[in-house]
Amino acid sequence: MLEKILVATTNLGKRREISSLFAGSNMEIVFPEKDLKVEEEGCSFLENAYIKARAYYKAYGLPTLAEDSGLVVPALDGYPGIYSSRFYELEWGGRQEVRESKDKANIEKLLRLMKYIKERRAYYVAFVLVFMDDVGYWAEGRCYGVILYEPKGEGGFGYDPVFQPEGFQKSMAELSQKEKNLISHRGKAIKRLMEILK
């Protein structure tokens, strides 16, 4: 089992969530001091995770964990998908003005496109990869649910306020961190990856 690992993200929401997932693992988690501005030009979540992990490993020389994740809505042909973090700026579906934050602009665009769609099934998917010595170990996690008609809750980040996971009558943003860790796509992927690393 690795003793120290660099997590390749400057996203505060992801940092908090990943730190909580590794709590009690006896593994030291460190974060980069600055964002490397890696161009995620891959065609899949796994490819983007690999690009990030490799870049940060080369820069810091530590075994590096990177993840790429997003929301997939079959009724929207799989969008936002790998474009989840910048869905608001895509020409597909029309650009959405950023008034408060990019997360809120992404949600506004999603709800606008889903307004008259009854089939609201969706799922979060995450690919987590640890890269070291030119070798990558990866795992996938998914969380299924539906898209709500309006945001609910103040927790989480990204699309959490409009995503209701299976088995719950509240949004992902209304779950406690402990509840979210048990069912989230990122939580499932990291748990599987930890088993592989052991």
Foldseek 3Di string as FASTA:
>chain_A
DAAEEEEQDPPPLVVVLVVVLCPPVNHHYDYDPDHPPFDQPDPAFQSSQVSRQVVVCVVPVGFYKYKQKAKFWVVLVGPPHSVQQQSQCDPVQHHFDDDDDSLVSSQVSVLVVCVPPPRFKMKMKMKMWTDHPNDIDIFMFMFIFGFANDFDADAHTRSQRGTDTPPDPHTNRPDDSVVCLVGPGVNVGVVVRVVVVD
